Amino acid sequence: MKTVLFAFLGFLFCTDVLALPDTELAEIVRKAITEQLLDGDSTKLKQETPVDAAFVREIAPKRLGSNIVNSASNVTGTMFEFESPKYDKYQHLSHVVMWVFSYRDNGSALRNAKSIRGFCIDGSCFRSKVLTIFSSVVVANKVVIIFTENSGDESVVAFIESAPKLFEK
């Protein structure tokens, strides 16, 4: 059993979880999107795209500070695009993005998760051209960042705000 730290809206929460591979973390998010945002209709999940690690390593320091990236041993990302039945009157796709930063140990993950708090206020990243709603959680030796730029979609924002609970045991 591993310790998990929730860093959300400037508060830290801890619980116990088992370490999971990045693919299982993505499966948890995919399932939750389908159940919570798409009313169980998996056909509305239009695309799941891996995000290139080099792209994440380039963008993350600009948004979240260099500490989160510099000591990461591995970086992965996944973008989920879907038809939001509760929002988009223009039929644009909504999206949720997950970045996973892996570190050598749990302590490194906890320190790096704390380092992003100075770059974000009230669950929003302010080093971005658009309002980026995000939450983060430490799962064993990984920092999982889940975010969206669909800040006008209240259901997606609520999903992002509650995302750390997806990783509770």
N, C-alpha and C. Protein backbone atom coordinates (compact mmCIF):
# COMPACT_ATOMS: atom_id res chain seq x y z
N MET A 1 0.84 -1.16 0.00
CA MET A 1 0.00 0.00 0.00
C MET A 1 0.90 1.24 0.00
N LYS A 2 0.58 2.23 -0.81
CA LYS A 2 1.37 3.45 -0.94
C LYS A 2 0.54 4.64 -0.49
N THR A 3 1.22 5.73 -0.16
CA THR A 3 0.54 6.95 0.26
C THR A 3 0.29 7.81 -0.96
N VAL A 4 -0.85 8.46 -0.99
CA VAL A 4 -1.18 9.37 -2.07
C VAL A 4 -1.46 10.74 -1.47
N LEU A 5 -1.02 11.78 -2.15
CA LEU A 5 -1.23 13.15 -1.70
C LEU A 5 -2.08 13.86 -2.73
N PHE A 6 -3.15 14.49 -2.30
CA PHE A 6 -3.98 15.28 -3.19
C PHE A 6 -3.58 16.74 -3.03
N ALA A 7 -3.23 17.38 -4.12
CA ALA A 7 -2.95 18.82 -4.10
C ALA A 7 -4.01 19.47 -4.97
N PHE A 8 -4.97 20.10 -4.33
CA PHE A 8 -6.08 20.67 -5.07
C PHE A 8 -6.52 21.95 -4.38
N LEU A 9 -6.61 23.00 -5.14
CA LEU A 9 -7.02 24.30 -4.62
C LEU A 9 -6.19 24.71 -3.40
N GLY A 10 -4.91 24.33 -3.42
CA GLY A 10 -4.01 24.74 -2.35
C GLY A 10 -4.08 23.90 -1.09
N PHE A 11 -4.91 22.88 -1.06
CA PHE A 11 -5.01 22.01 0.12
C PHE A 11 -4.37 20.67 -0.21
N LEU A 12 -3.86 19.99 0.80
CA LEU A 12 -3.23 18.69 0.61
C LEU A 12 -4.04 17.63 1.34
N PHE A 13 -4.31 16.54 0.66
CA PHE A 13 -5.08 15.45 1.23
C PHE A 13 -4.29 14.16 1.05
N CYS A 14 -4.32 13.26 1.99
CA CYS A 14 -3.60 11.99 1.90
C CYS A 14 -4.55 10.82 2.05
N THR A 15 -4.25 9.75 1.36
CA THR A 15 -4.98 8.50 1.48
C THR A 15 -4.04 7.39 1.05
N ASP A 16 -4.48 6.16 1.08
CA ASP A 16 -3.65 5.03 0.66
C ASP A 16 -4.16 4.46 -0.64
N VAL A 17 -3.23 4.16 -1.55
CA VAL A 17 -3.55 3.50 -2.82
C VAL A 17 -2.41 2.57 -3.18
N LEU A 18 -2.66 1.70 -4.11
CA LEU A 18 -1.60 0.85 -4.65
C LEU A 18 -0.98 1.54 -5.85
N ALA A 19 0.32 1.32 -6.08
CA ALA A 19 0.98 1.88 -7.25
C ALA A 19 0.38 1.26 -8.51
N LEU A 20 0.15 2.09 -9.51
CA LEU A 20 -0.45 1.62 -10.76
C LEU A 20 0.41 2.04 -11.94
N PRO A 21 0.48 1.21 -12.99
CA PRO A 21 1.17 1.64 -14.20
C PRO A 21 0.38 2.76 -14.89
N ASP A 22 1.06 3.55 -15.72
CA ASP A 22 0.42 4.68 -16.40
C ASP A 22 -0.79 4.25 -17.23
N THR A 23 -0.72 3.07 -17.84
CA THR A 23 -1.85 2.61 -18.65
C THR A 23 -3.10 2.38 -17.80
N GLU A 24 -2.90 1.91 -16.56
CA GLU A 24 -4.05 1.72 -15.67
C GLU A 24 -4.59 3.05 -15.15
N LEU A 25 -3.71 4.02 -14.96
CA LEU A 25 -4.17 5.36 -14.58
C LEU A 25 -5.04 5.93 -15.69
N ALA A 26 -4.61 5.77 -16.95
CA ALA A 26 -5.40 6.25 -18.09
C ALA A 26 -6.74 5.52 -18.17
N GLU A 27 -6.76 4.23 -17.87
CA GLU A 27 -8.00 3.46 -17.89
C GLU A 27 -8.98 3.98 -16.84
N ILE A 28 -8.48 4.35 -15.66
CA ILE A 28 -9.34 4.90 -14.61
C ILE A 28 -9.98 6.20 -15.10
N VAL A 29 -9.19 7.06 -15.73
CA VAL A 29 -9.72 8.34 -16.23
C VAL A 29 -10.70 8.10 -17.37
N ARG A 30 -10.37 7.22 -18.31
CA ARG A 30 -11.26 6.90 -19.43
C ARG A 30 -12.62 6.41 -18.94
N LYS A 31 -12.60 5.49 -18.00
CA LYS A 31 -13.84 4.94 -17.46
C LYS A 31 -14.66 6.03 -16.77
N ALA A 32 -14.00 6.88 -16.00
CA ALA A 32 -14.70 7.96 -15.29
C ALA A 32 -15.30 8.97 -16.26
N ILE A 33 -14.58 9.31 -17.33
CA ILE A 33 -15.12 10.23 -18.34
C ILE A 33 -16.39 9.64 -18.93
N THR A 34 -16.32 8.37 -19.29
CA THR A 34 -17.48 7.70 -19.90
C THR A 34 -18.67 7.69 -18.94
N GLU A 35 -18.42 7.35 -17.69
CA GLU A 35 -19.52 7.26 -16.72
C GLU A 35 -20.05 8.62 -16.28
N GLN A 36 -19.15 9.56 -16.00
CA GLN A 36 -19.56 10.83 -15.40
C GLN A 36 -19.91 11.92 -16.41
N LEU A 37 -19.23 11.94 -17.54
CA LEU A 37 -19.46 13.02 -18.52
C LEU A 37 -20.28 12.59 -19.72
N LEU A 38 -20.24 11.31 -20.04
CA LEU A 38 -20.89 10.84 -21.27
C LEU A 38 -22.09 9.94 -20.98
N ASP A 39 -22.58 9.97 -19.76
CA ASP A 39 -23.75 9.19 -19.36
C ASP A 39 -23.64 7.73 -19.76
N GLY A 40 -22.41 7.19 -19.68
CA GLY A 40 -22.19 5.78 -19.97
C GLY A 40 -22.07 5.44 -21.45
N ASP A 41 -22.18 6.42 -22.34
CA ASP A 41 -22.14 6.18 -23.78
C ASP A 41 -20.71 6.30 -24.30
N SER A 42 -20.00 5.18 -24.37
CA SER A 42 -18.59 5.19 -24.78
C SER A 42 -18.41 5.61 -26.24
N THR A 43 -19.45 5.61 -27.05
CA THR A 43 -19.30 6.04 -28.45
C THR A 43 -19.06 7.55 -28.54
N LYS A 44 -19.39 8.29 -27.48
CA LYS A 44 -19.14 9.73 -27.49
C LYS A 44 -17.68 10.07 -27.18
N LEU A 45 -16.91 9.08 -26.71
CA LEU A 45 -15.47 9.27 -26.53
C LEU A 45 -14.85 9.09 -27.91
N LYS A 46 -14.59 10.19 -28.57
CA LYS A 46 -14.21 10.16 -29.99
C LYS A 46 -12.77 9.77 -30.23
N GLN A 47 -11.87 10.18 -29.34
CA GLN A 47 -10.47 9.89 -29.59
C GLN A 47 -9.70 9.90 -28.27
N GLU A 48 -8.77 8.98 -28.18
CA GLU A 48 -7.82 8.94 -27.07
C GLU A 48 -6.44 8.94 -27.69
N THR A 49 -5.70 10.02 -27.47
CA THR A 49 -4.44 10.22 -28.16
C THR A 49 -3.29 10.31 -27.17
N PRO A 50 -2.24 9.52 -27.39
CA PRO A 50 -1.05 9.70 -26.55
C PRO A 50 -0.45 11.09 -26.81
N VAL A 51 0.03 11.73 -25.76
CA VAL A 51 0.70 13.02 -25.90
C VAL A 51 2.19 12.75 -25.83
N ASP A 52 2.92 13.23 -26.82
CA ASP A 52 4.36 13.00 -26.92
C ASP A 52 5.08 13.51 -25.68
N ALA A 53 5.95 12.69 -25.10
CA ALA A 53 6.67 13.04 -23.87
C ALA A 53 7.52 14.30 -24.08
N ALA A 54 8.11 14.46 -25.26
CA ALA A 54 8.93 15.65 -25.53
C ALA A 54 8.06 16.90 -25.48
N PHE A 55 6.83 16.82 -25.97
CA PHE A 55 5.91 17.96 -25.93
C PHE A 55 5.57 18.30 -24.47
N VAL A 56 5.27 17.29 -23.67
CA VAL A 56 4.95 17.52 -22.25
C VAL A 56 6.16 18.15 -21.56
N ARG A 57 7.36 17.63 -21.83
CA ARG A 57 8.57 18.17 -21.20
C ARG A 57 8.84 19.61 -21.63
N GLU A 58 8.37 20.00 -22.81
CA GLU A 58 8.54 21.38 -23.28
C GLU A 58 7.50 22.32 -22.65
N ILE A 59 6.25 21.88 -22.57
CA ILE A 59 5.15 22.74 -22.12
C ILE A 59 5.04 22.80 -20.59
N ALA A 60 5.20 21.69 -19.91
CA ALA A 60 4.97 21.63 -18.46
C ALA A 60 5.79 22.66 -17.67
N PRO A 61 7.08 22.87 -17.96
CA PRO A 61 7.81 23.87 -17.17
C PRO A 61 7.23 25.28 -17.32
N LYS A 62 6.69 25.59 -18.48
CA LYS A 62 6.10 26.91 -18.70
C LYS A 62 4.82 27.09 -17.90
N ARG A 63 4.08 26.01 -17.70
CA ARG A 63 2.80 26.07 -16.99
C ARG A 63 2.91 25.77 -15.50
N LEU A 64 3.79 24.82 -15.15
CA LEU A 64 3.82 24.31 -13.78
C LEU A 64 5.17 24.46 -13.09
N GLY A 65 6.16 25.04 -13.76
CA GLY A 65 7.49 25.20 -13.19
C GLY A 65 8.41 24.07 -13.62
N SER A 66 9.69 24.33 -13.61
CA SER A 66 10.66 23.35 -14.12
C SER A 66 10.89 22.18 -13.18
N ASN A 67 10.65 22.35 -11.88
CA ASN A 67 10.91 21.25 -10.94
C ASN A 67 10.14 19.99 -11.29
N ILE A 68 8.89 20.14 -11.70
CA ILE A 68 8.05 18.97 -11.96
C ILE A 68 8.63 18.09 -13.07
N VAL A 69 9.33 18.71 -14.03
CA VAL A 69 9.86 17.99 -15.18
C VAL A 69 11.30 17.55 -14.97
N ASN A 70 12.13 18.43 -14.41
CA ASN A 70 13.57 18.18 -14.37
C ASN A 70 13.96 16.88 -13.68
N SER A 71 13.29 16.52 -12.62
CA SER A 71 13.69 15.29 -11.91
C SER A 71 12.82 14.09 -12.26
N ALA A 72 11.91 14.24 -13.22
CA ALA A 72 11.06 13.11 -13.62
C ALA A 72 11.86 12.11 -14.44
N SER A 73 11.75 10.84 -14.08
CA SER A 73 12.44 9.79 -14.83
C SER A 73 11.65 9.39 -16.08
N ASN A 74 10.34 9.62 -16.05
CA ASN A 74 9.49 9.28 -17.19
C ASN A 74 8.30 10.22 -17.21
N VAL A 75 7.85 10.56 -18.41
CA VAL A 75 6.70 11.44 -18.59
C VAL A 75 5.80 10.82 -19.64
N THR A 76 4.51 10.72 -19.34
CA THR A 76 3.55 10.25 -20.33
C THR A 76 2.36 11.21 -20.33
N GLY A 77 1.58 11.14 -21.39
CA GLY A 77 0.39 11.97 -21.47
C GLY A 77 -0.67 11.31 -22.34
N THR A 78 -1.91 11.64 -22.06
CA THR A 78 -3.04 11.13 -22.84
C THR A 78 -4.08 12.23 -22.95
N MET A 79 -4.61 12.45 -24.16
CA MET A 79 -5.69 13.40 -24.34
C MET A 79 -6.94 12.63 -24.73
N PHE A 80 -8.02 12.89 -24.01
CA PHE A 80 -9.32 12.27 -24.26
C PHE A 80 -10.22 13.34 -24.89
N GLU A 81 -10.72 13.10 -26.10
CA GLU A 81 -11.63 14.03 -26.77
C GLU A 81 -13.00 13.38 -26.86
N PHE A 82 -14.04 14.18 -26.57
CA PHE A 82 -15.37 13.60 -26.52
C PHE A 82 -16.43 14.66 -26.81
N GLU A 83 -17.61 14.15 -27.15
CA GLU A 83 -18.79 14.99 -27.32
C GLU A 83 -19.42 15.17 -25.95
N SER A 84 -19.45 16.38 -25.46
CA SER A 84 -20.03 16.62 -24.15
C SER A 84 -21.53 16.86 -24.31
N PRO A 85 -22.36 15.94 -23.83
CA PRO A 85 -23.80 16.09 -24.00
C PRO A 85 -24.38 17.22 -23.16
N LYS A 86 -23.61 17.72 -22.22
CA LYS A 86 -24.15 18.73 -21.30
C LYS A 86 -23.70 20.14 -21.64
N TYR A 87 -22.98 20.34 -22.77
CA TYR A 87 -22.43 21.67 -22.99
C TYR A 87 -22.48 22.15 -24.43
N ASP A 88 -21.80 21.51 -25.31
CA ASP A 88 -21.36 22.12 -26.55
C ASP A 88 -22.44 22.27 -27.60
N LYS A 89 -23.05 23.42 -27.65
CA LYS A 89 -24.10 23.67 -28.62
C LYS A 89 -23.56 23.79 -30.04
N TYR A 90 -22.24 24.00 -30.19
CA TYR A 90 -21.64 24.12 -31.53
C TYR A 90 -21.00 22.82 -32.00
N GLN A 91 -21.18 21.76 -31.24
CA GLN A 91 -20.68 20.42 -31.60
C GLN A 91 -19.16 20.34 -31.68
N HIS A 92 -18.46 21.20 -30.93
CA HIS A 92 -17.01 21.06 -30.81
C HIS A 92 -16.72 19.95 -29.80
N LEU A 93 -15.58 19.34 -29.92
CA LEU A 93 -15.21 18.30 -28.97
C LEU A 93 -14.63 18.93 -27.71
N SER A 94 -15.01 18.40 -26.56
CA SER A 94 -14.40 18.77 -25.30
C SER A 94 -13.21 17.86 -25.07
N HIS A 95 -12.34 18.24 -24.16
CA HIS A 95 -11.19 17.38 -23.89
C HIS A 95 -10.78 17.44 -22.43
N VAL A 96 -10.17 16.34 -22.01
CA VAL A 96 -9.51 16.22 -20.71
C VAL A 96 -8.14 15.63 -21.02
N VAL A 97 -7.11 16.23 -20.43
CA VAL A 97 -5.74 15.77 -20.66
C VAL A 97 -5.15 15.28 -19.34
N MET A 98 -4.41 14.19 -19.41
CA MET A 98 -3.73 13.64 -18.24
C MET A 98 -2.24 13.56 -18.54
N TRP A 99 -1.43 14.17 -17.68
CA TRP A 99 0.03 14.02 -17.74
C TRP A 99 0.45 13.24 -16.51
N VAL A 100 1.39 12.30 -16.68
CA VAL A 100 1.91 11.52 -15.56
C VAL A 100 3.43 11.69 -15.52
N PHE A 101 3.92 12.16 -14.37
CA PHE A 101 5.35 12.34 -14.14
C PHE A 101 5.79 11.30 -13.14
N SER A 102 6.75 10.45 -13.53
CA SER A 102 7.24 9.39 -12.64
C SER A 102 8.58 9.80 -12.04
N TYR A 103 8.77 9.45 -10.76
CA TYR A 103 10.00 9.80 -10.02
C TYR A 103 10.58 8.55 -9.39
N ARG A 104 11.80 8.67 -8.90
CA ARG A 104 12.49 7.49 -8.35
C ARG A 104 11.85 6.96 -7.08
N ASP A 105 11.14 7.85 -6.32
CA ASP A 105 10.52 7.40 -5.08
C ASP A 105 9.32 8.29 -4.74
N ASN A 106 8.56 7.86 -3.76
CA ASN A 106 7.35 8.59 -3.35
C ASN A 106 7.67 9.99 -2.84
N GLY A 107 8.77 10.13 -2.08
CA GLY A 107 9.15 11.42 -1.53
C GLY A 107 9.42 12.45 -2.62
N SER A 108 10.07 12.02 -3.69
CA SER A 108 10.34 12.92 -4.82
C SER A 108 9.03 13.36 -5.47
N ALA A 109 8.10 12.44 -5.60
CA ALA A 109 6.79 12.79 -6.17
C ALA A 109 6.07 13.80 -5.30
N LEU A 110 6.10 13.61 -3.98
CA LEU A 110 5.45 14.54 -3.06
C LEU A 110 6.07 15.94 -3.15
N ARG A 111 7.40 16.01 -3.18
CA ARG A 111 8.08 17.31 -3.26
C ARG A 111 7.74 18.02 -4.57
N ASN A 112 7.71 17.28 -5.65
CA ASN A 112 7.42 17.89 -6.95
C ASN A 112 5.97 18.33 -7.06
N ALA A 113 5.07 17.58 -6.47
CA ALA A 113 3.66 18.00 -6.47
C ALA A 113 3.49 19.30 -5.71
N LYS A 114 4.19 19.44 -4.60
CA LYS A 114 4.12 20.68 -3.82
C LYS A 114 4.69 21.86 -4.59
N SER A 115 5.68 21.61 -5.46
CA SER A 115 6.34 22.70 -6.18
C SER A 115 5.42 23.41 -7.17
N ILE A 116 4.37 22.75 -7.63
CA ILE A 116 3.50 23.40 -8.63
C ILE A 116 2.52 24.37 -8.00
N ARG A 117 2.35 24.32 -6.70
CA ARG A 117 1.37 25.20 -6.06
C ARG A 117 1.67 26.67 -6.29
N GLY A 118 2.94 27.05 -6.43
CA GLY A 118 3.28 28.44 -6.67
C GLY A 118 2.93 28.94 -8.06
N PHE A 119 2.60 28.03 -8.96
CA PHE A 119 2.29 28.39 -10.34
C PHE A 119 0.79 28.39 -10.62
N CYS A 120 0.02 27.98 -9.65
CA CYS A 120 -1.41 27.83 -9.88
C CYS A 120 -2.19 28.35 -8.68
N ILE A 121 -3.35 28.91 -8.94
CA ILE A 121 -4.20 29.46 -7.88
C ILE A 121 -5.60 28.91 -8.03
N ASP A 122 -6.18 28.45 -6.94
CA ASP A 122 -7.57 27.98 -6.92
C ASP A 122 -7.90 27.01 -8.05
N GLY A 123 -7.02 26.05 -8.29
CA GLY A 123 -7.30 25.03 -9.28
C GLY A 123 -7.17 25.49 -10.71
N SER A 124 -6.52 26.66 -10.94
CA SER A 124 -6.32 27.16 -12.30
C SER A 124 -4.86 27.54 -12.49
N CYS A 125 -4.34 27.21 -13.64
CA CYS A 125 -2.98 27.57 -13.98
C CYS A 125 -3.00 28.97 -14.56
N PHE A 126 -2.20 29.89 -14.00
CA PHE A 126 -2.23 31.25 -14.50
C PHE A 126 -1.09 31.56 -15.46
N ARG A 127 -0.28 30.59 -15.82
CA ARG A 127 0.77 30.79 -16.80
C ARG A 127 0.34 30.24 -18.16
N SER A 128 -0.89 30.45 -18.52
CA SER A 128 -1.45 29.93 -19.75
C SER A 128 -2.24 31.04 -20.43
N LYS A 129 -2.35 30.97 -21.75
CA LYS A 129 -3.11 31.98 -22.48
C LYS A 129 -4.61 31.83 -22.27
N VAL A 130 -5.03 30.63 -21.95
CA VAL A 130 -6.45 30.38 -21.67
C VAL A 130 -6.55 29.84 -20.25
N LEU A 131 -7.71 30.00 -19.64
CA LEU A 131 -7.92 29.48 -18.30
C LEU A 131 -7.83 27.96 -18.34
N THR A 132 -6.90 27.41 -17.61
CA THR A 132 -6.68 25.97 -17.59
C THR A 132 -7.05 25.45 -16.21
N ILE A 133 -8.16 24.74 -16.13
CA ILE A 133 -8.61 24.13 -14.89
C ILE A 133 -7.85 22.81 -14.71
N PHE A 134 -7.28 22.60 -13.52
CA PHE A 134 -6.52 21.37 -13.32
C PHE A 134 -6.65 20.87 -11.88
N SER A 135 -6.30 19.63 -11.70
CA SER A 135 -6.08 19.08 -10.37
C SER A 135 -4.89 18.14 -10.46
N SER A 136 -4.30 17.86 -9.32
CA SER A 136 -3.14 16.96 -9.31
C SER A 136 -3.25 16.02 -8.13
N VAL A 137 -2.64 14.88 -8.28
CA VAL A 137 -2.65 13.87 -7.23
C VAL A 137 -1.34 13.09 -7.32
N VAL A 138 -0.81 12.71 -6.19
CA VAL A 138 0.37 11.85 -6.15
C VAL A 138 -0.12 10.43 -5.92
N VAL A 139 0.25 9.54 -6.82
CA VAL A 139 -0.09 8.12 -6.72
C VAL A 139 1.25 7.38 -6.66
N ALA A 140 1.62 6.97 -5.45
CA ALA A 140 2.91 6.31 -5.20
C ALA A 140 4.03 7.25 -5.65
N ASN A 141 4.83 6.86 -6.65
CA ASN A 141 5.96 7.68 -7.09
C ASN A 141 5.62 8.52 -8.33
N LYS A 142 4.34 8.76 -8.57
CA LYS A 142 3.91 9.50 -9.76
C LYS A 142 3.08 10.72 -9.36
N VAL A 143 3.25 11.79 -10.13
CA VAL A 143 2.37 12.95 -10.02
C VAL A 143 1.48 12.92 -11.25
N VAL A 144 0.17 12.87 -11.01
CA VAL A 144 -0.81 12.84 -12.10
C VAL A 144 -1.47 14.22 -12.15
N ILE A 145 -1.37 14.86 -13.29
CA ILE A 145 -2.01 16.16 -13.52
C ILE A 145 -3.14 15.92 -14.51
N ILE A 146 -4.34 16.34 -14.17
CA ILE A 146 -5.50 16.21 -15.05
C ILE A 146 -6.04 17.62 -15.26
N PHE A 147 -6.20 18.02 -16.54
CA PHE A 147 -6.63 19.38 -16.80
C PHE A 147 -7.49 19.48 -18.04
N THR A 148 -8.10 20.65 -18.20
CA THR A 148 -8.89 20.96 -19.39
C THR A 148 -8.80 22.45 -19.66
N GLU A 149 -8.99 22.83 -20.89
CA GLU A 149 -9.12 24.24 -21.26
C GLU A 149 -10.58 24.55 -21.59
N ASN A 150 -11.48 23.59 -21.33
CA ASN A 150 -12.92 23.78 -21.54
C ASN A 150 -13.55 24.34 -20.27
N SER A 151 -13.09 25.52 -19.85
CA SER A 151 -13.55 26.08 -18.58
C SER A 151 -15.01 26.52 -18.61
N GLY A 152 -15.60 26.63 -19.80
CA GLY A 152 -17.02 27.00 -19.89
C GLY A 152 -17.96 25.82 -19.74
N ASP A 153 -17.42 24.61 -19.75
CA ASP A 153 -18.23 23.41 -19.61
C ASP A 153 -18.24 23.01 -18.14
N GLU A 154 -19.32 23.35 -17.46
CA GLU A 154 -19.40 23.12 -16.01
C GLU A 154 -19.24 21.66 -15.64
N SER A 155 -19.72 20.75 -16.48
CA SER A 155 -19.58 19.33 -16.16
C SER A 155 -18.12 18.88 -16.25
N VAL A 156 -17.37 19.40 -17.21
CA VAL A 156 -15.95 19.06 -17.33
C VAL A 156 -15.18 19.67 -16.16
N VAL A 157 -15.48 20.90 -15.80
CA VAL A 157 -14.82 21.55 -14.67
C VAL A 157 -15.07 20.75 -13.39
N ALA A 158 -16.31 20.33 -13.16
CA ALA A 158 -16.62 19.53 -11.97
C ALA A 158 -15.86 18.20 -11.99
N PHE A 159 -15.73 17.60 -13.17
CA PHE A 159 -14.97 16.36 -13.31
C PHE A 159 -13.52 16.58 -12.91
N ILE A 160 -12.90 17.65 -13.42
CA ILE A 160 -11.51 17.95 -13.09
C ILE A 160 -11.36 18.19 -11.59
N GLU A 161 -12.28 18.94 -11.01
CA GLU A 161 -12.21 19.23 -9.58
C GLU A 161 -12.28 17.96 -8.73
N SER A 162 -13.04 16.98 -9.17
CA SER A 162 -13.20 15.74 -8.39
C SER A 162 -12.23 14.64 -8.82
N ALA A 163 -11.40 14.88 -9.82
CA ALA A 163 -10.51 13.85 -10.37
C ALA A 163 -9.60 13.18 -9.34
N PRO A 164 -9.04 13.87 -8.35
CA PRO A 164 -8.19 13.14 -7.39
C PRO A 164 -8.90 11.99 -6.69
N LYS A 165 -10.21 12.09 -6.51
CA LYS A 165 -10.96 11.02 -5.85
C LYS A 165 -10.97 9.73 -6.68
N LEU A 166 -10.69 9.84 -8.00
CA LEU A 166 -10.66 8.65 -8.85
C LEU A 166 -9.59 7.67 -8.40
N PHE A 167 -8.55 8.18 -7.75
CA PHE A 167 -7.41 7.35 -7.41
C PHE A 167 -7.41 6.89 -5.95
N GLU A 168 -8.50 7.16 -5.25
CA GLU A 168 -8.63 6.65 -3.88
C GLU A 168 -8.85 5.15 -3.94
N LYS A 169 -8.38 4.47 -2.92
CA LYS A 169 -8.55 3.01 -2.86
C LYS A 169 -10.00 2.68 -2.58
